[in-house]
Amino acid sequence: ILLIPVAAGVAVPIGIHLNPMVAGVAMGLSSVFVLSNSLRLKRLKAYVPTVTPGAVQNAALEPAHS
């Protein structure tokens, strides 16, 4: 995120240039992070709330607490 403005050339007037080697490493690391996050999310189980029929009826009859 920090290197995007530098890569766009925003910092060129103050003398900060992005080395192409650093840009290539940042792009490779970005791909690694995206891949690892997708694999991590694939292992998660979906959250499915369980509702018992009596709980819904009882919840509607109970007064709301503030």
N, C-alpha and C. Protein backbone atom coordinates (compact mmCIF):
# COMPACT_ATOMS: atom_id res chain seq x y z
N ILE A 1 0.84 -1.19 0.00
CA ILE A 1 0.00 0.00 0.00
C ILE A 1 0.88 1.25 0.00
N LEU A 2 1.97 1.18 0.74
CA LEU A 2 2.84 2.35 0.82
C LEU A 2 3.59 2.62 -0.47
N LEU A 3 3.84 1.58 -1.25
CA LEU A 3 4.63 1.76 -2.47
C LEU A 3 3.80 2.14 -3.69
N ILE A 4 2.47 2.10 -3.59
CA ILE A 4 1.63 2.43 -4.74
C ILE A 4 1.84 3.88 -5.19
N PRO A 5 1.80 4.88 -4.29
CA PRO A 5 2.06 6.25 -4.75
C PRO A 5 3.49 6.44 -5.28
N VAL A 6 4.43 5.73 -4.67
CA VAL A 6 5.82 5.82 -5.15
C VAL A 6 5.92 5.22 -6.55
N ALA A 7 5.24 4.09 -6.78
CA ALA A 7 5.26 3.47 -8.10
C ALA A 7 4.56 4.34 -9.14
N ALA A 8 3.57 5.11 -8.71
CA ALA A 8 2.86 6.00 -9.62
C ALA A 8 3.68 7.25 -9.95
N GLY A 9 4.74 7.49 -9.22
CA GLY A 9 5.60 8.63 -9.51
C GLY A 9 5.27 9.88 -8.72
N VAL A 10 4.49 9.76 -7.67
CA VAL A 10 4.12 10.92 -6.87
C VAL A 10 5.33 11.52 -6.16
N ALA A 11 6.27 10.65 -5.75
CA ALA A 11 7.42 11.12 -4.98
C ALA A 11 8.62 11.49 -5.84
N VAL A 12 8.49 11.47 -7.16
CA VAL A 12 9.62 11.80 -8.03
C VAL A 12 10.10 13.23 -7.83
N PRO A 13 9.23 14.23 -7.66
CA PRO A 13 9.73 15.60 -7.46
C PRO A 13 10.61 15.77 -6.22
N ILE A 14 10.44 14.92 -5.21
CA ILE A 14 11.30 15.04 -4.02
C ILE A 14 12.46 14.07 -4.07
N GLY A 15 12.63 13.37 -5.19
CA GLY A 15 13.81 12.54 -5.40
C GLY A 15 13.67 11.09 -4.98
N ILE A 16 12.47 10.59 -4.76
CA ILE A 16 12.29 9.19 -4.39
C ILE A 16 11.82 8.42 -5.62
N HIS A 17 12.64 7.47 -6.04
CA HIS A 17 12.33 6.64 -7.20
C HIS A 17 12.18 5.20 -6.73
N LEU A 18 11.34 4.44 -7.40
CA LEU A 18 11.15 3.04 -7.07
C LEU A 18 12.04 2.19 -7.97
N ASN A 19 12.90 1.43 -7.36
CA ASN A 19 13.78 0.53 -8.08
C ASN A 19 12.92 -0.58 -8.69
N PRO A 20 13.11 -0.92 -9.95
CA PRO A 20 12.31 -1.99 -10.57
C PRO A 20 12.44 -3.33 -9.84
N MET A 21 13.60 -3.58 -9.23
CA MET A 21 13.78 -4.82 -8.49
C MET A 21 12.87 -4.85 -7.26
N VAL A 22 12.73 -3.73 -6.58
CA VAL A 22 11.85 -3.65 -5.41
C VAL A 22 10.39 -3.80 -5.85
N ALA A 23 10.04 -3.23 -6.98
CA ALA A 23 8.68 -3.35 -7.49
C ALA A 23 8.36 -4.81 -7.82
N GLY A 24 9.31 -5.53 -8.40
CA GLY A 24 9.10 -6.94 -8.72
C GLY A 24 8.94 -7.79 -7.47
N VAL A 25 9.75 -7.52 -6.46
CA VAL A 25 9.63 -8.26 -5.20
C VAL A 25 8.29 -7.96 -4.54
N ALA A 26 7.87 -6.69 -4.54
CA ALA A 26 6.58 -6.32 -3.94
C ALA A 26 5.43 -7.00 -4.67
N MET A 27 5.53 -7.10 -5.99
CA MET A 27 4.47 -7.75 -6.75
C MET A 27 4.43 -9.25 -6.46
N GLY A 28 5.59 -9.86 -6.35
CA GLY A 28 5.64 -11.29 -6.01
C GLY A 28 5.10 -11.56 -4.62
N LEU A 29 5.45 -10.73 -3.65
CA LEU A 29 4.93 -10.90 -2.29
C LEU A 29 3.43 -10.69 -2.24
N SER A 30 2.94 -9.77 -3.03
CA SER A 30 1.50 -9.54 -3.09
C SER A 30 0.78 -10.80 -3.56
N SER A 31 1.33 -11.44 -4.58
CA SER A 31 0.72 -12.68 -5.08
C SER A 31 0.77 -13.78 -4.03
N VAL A 32 1.86 -13.87 -3.29
CA VAL A 32 1.98 -14.88 -2.23
C VAL A 32 0.94 -14.63 -1.14
N PHE A 33 0.75 -13.38 -0.74
CA PHE A 33 -0.23 -13.06 0.30
C PHE A 33 -1.65 -13.36 -0.16
N VAL A 34 -1.97 -13.04 -1.41
CA VAL A 34 -3.31 -13.31 -1.93
C VAL A 34 -3.55 -14.82 -1.97
N LEU A 35 -2.59 -15.58 -2.42
CA LEU A 35 -2.72 -17.03 -2.50
C LEU A 35 -2.86 -17.64 -1.11
N SER A 36 -2.02 -17.21 -0.17
CA SER A 36 -2.09 -17.79 1.18
C SER A 36 -3.39 -17.43 1.88
N ASN A 37 -3.91 -16.22 1.66
CA ASN A 37 -5.19 -15.86 2.26
C ASN A 37 -6.33 -16.67 1.66
N SER A 38 -6.30 -16.91 0.35
CA SER A 38 -7.37 -17.70 -0.26
C SER A 38 -7.33 -19.14 0.25
N LEU A 39 -6.15 -19.71 0.43
CA LEU A 39 -6.05 -21.06 0.97
C LEU A 39 -6.49 -21.11 2.43
N ARG A 40 -6.18 -20.06 3.18
CA ARG A 40 -6.60 -20.01 4.58
C ARG A 40 -8.12 -19.90 4.68
N LEU A 41 -8.73 -19.10 3.84
CA LEU A 41 -10.19 -18.95 3.86
C LEU A 41 -10.89 -20.22 3.39
N LYS A 42 -10.24 -20.97 2.52
CA LYS A 42 -10.84 -22.21 2.01
C LYS A 42 -10.99 -23.23 3.13
N ARG A 43 -10.10 -23.20 4.13
CA ARG A 43 -10.15 -24.16 5.23
C ARG A 43 -11.22 -23.81 6.26
N LEU A 44 -11.72 -22.58 6.27
CA LEU A 44 -12.72 -22.19 7.26
C LEU A 44 -14.06 -22.85 6.96
N LYS A 45 -14.73 -23.20 8.01
CA LYS A 45 -16.08 -23.75 7.85
C LYS A 45 -17.08 -22.62 7.91
N ALA A 46 -18.13 -22.71 7.11
CA ALA A 46 -19.15 -21.67 7.08
C ALA A 46 -19.93 -21.68 8.39
N TYR A 47 -20.25 -20.51 8.89
CA TYR A 47 -21.03 -20.38 10.11
C TYR A 47 -22.50 -20.51 9.76
N VAL A 48 -23.14 -21.51 10.35
CA VAL A 48 -24.57 -21.72 10.13
C VAL A 48 -25.23 -21.69 11.50
N PRO A 49 -25.98 -20.64 11.80
CA PRO A 49 -26.62 -20.58 13.12
C PRO A 49 -27.71 -21.64 13.24
N THR A 50 -27.75 -22.23 14.40
CA THR A 50 -28.79 -23.23 14.64
C THR A 50 -29.88 -22.60 15.50
N VAL A 51 -31.10 -22.77 15.07
CA VAL A 51 -32.24 -22.20 15.78
C VAL A 51 -33.20 -23.33 16.10
N THR A 52 -33.52 -23.47 17.37
CA THR A 52 -34.52 -24.47 17.74
C THR A 52 -35.90 -23.83 17.63
N PRO A 53 -36.89 -24.60 17.25
CA PRO A 53 -38.23 -24.01 17.07
C PRO A 53 -38.76 -23.35 18.33
N GLY A 54 -38.50 -23.89 19.50
CA GLY A 54 -38.99 -23.30 20.74
C GLY A 54 -38.31 -21.99 21.07
N ALA A 55 -37.05 -21.84 20.68
CA ALA A 55 -36.30 -20.63 21.01
C ALA A 55 -36.88 -19.42 20.27
N VAL A 56 -37.34 -19.62 19.06
CA VAL A 56 -37.90 -18.50 18.29
C VAL A 56 -39.21 -18.04 18.92
N GLN A 57 -40.06 -18.97 19.31
CA GLN A 57 -41.33 -18.61 19.91
C GLN A 57 -41.13 -17.96 21.28
N ASN A 58 -40.23 -18.51 22.09
CA ASN A 58 -39.98 -17.95 23.41
C ASN A 58 -39.34 -16.57 23.33
N ALA A 59 -38.49 -16.36 22.37
CA ALA A 59 -37.82 -15.07 22.23
C ALA A 59 -38.82 -13.99 21.87
N ALA A 60 -39.85 -14.34 21.11
CA ALA A 60 -40.85 -13.36 20.71
C ALA A 60 -41.74 -12.98 21.91
N LEU A 61 -41.89 -13.88 22.87
CA LEU A 61 -42.75 -13.60 24.02
C LEU A 61 -42.04 -12.87 25.14
N GLU A 62 -40.70 -12.96 25.19
CA GLU A 62 -39.95 -12.32 26.27
C GLU A 62 -39.86 -10.82 26.02
N PRO A 63 -39.94 -10.02 27.11
CA PRO A 63 -39.79 -8.57 26.94
C PRO A 63 -38.35 -8.21 26.62
N ALA A 64 -38.17 -7.14 25.88
CA ALA A 64 -36.83 -6.68 25.51
C ALA A 64 -36.18 -6.02 26.71
N HIS A 65 -34.89 -6.32 26.93
CA HIS A 65 -34.13 -5.71 28.02
C HIS A 65 -33.34 -4.54 27.48
N SER A 66 -33.23 -3.49 28.27
CA SER A 66 -32.46 -2.34 27.80
C SER A 66 -31.21 -2.16 28.60
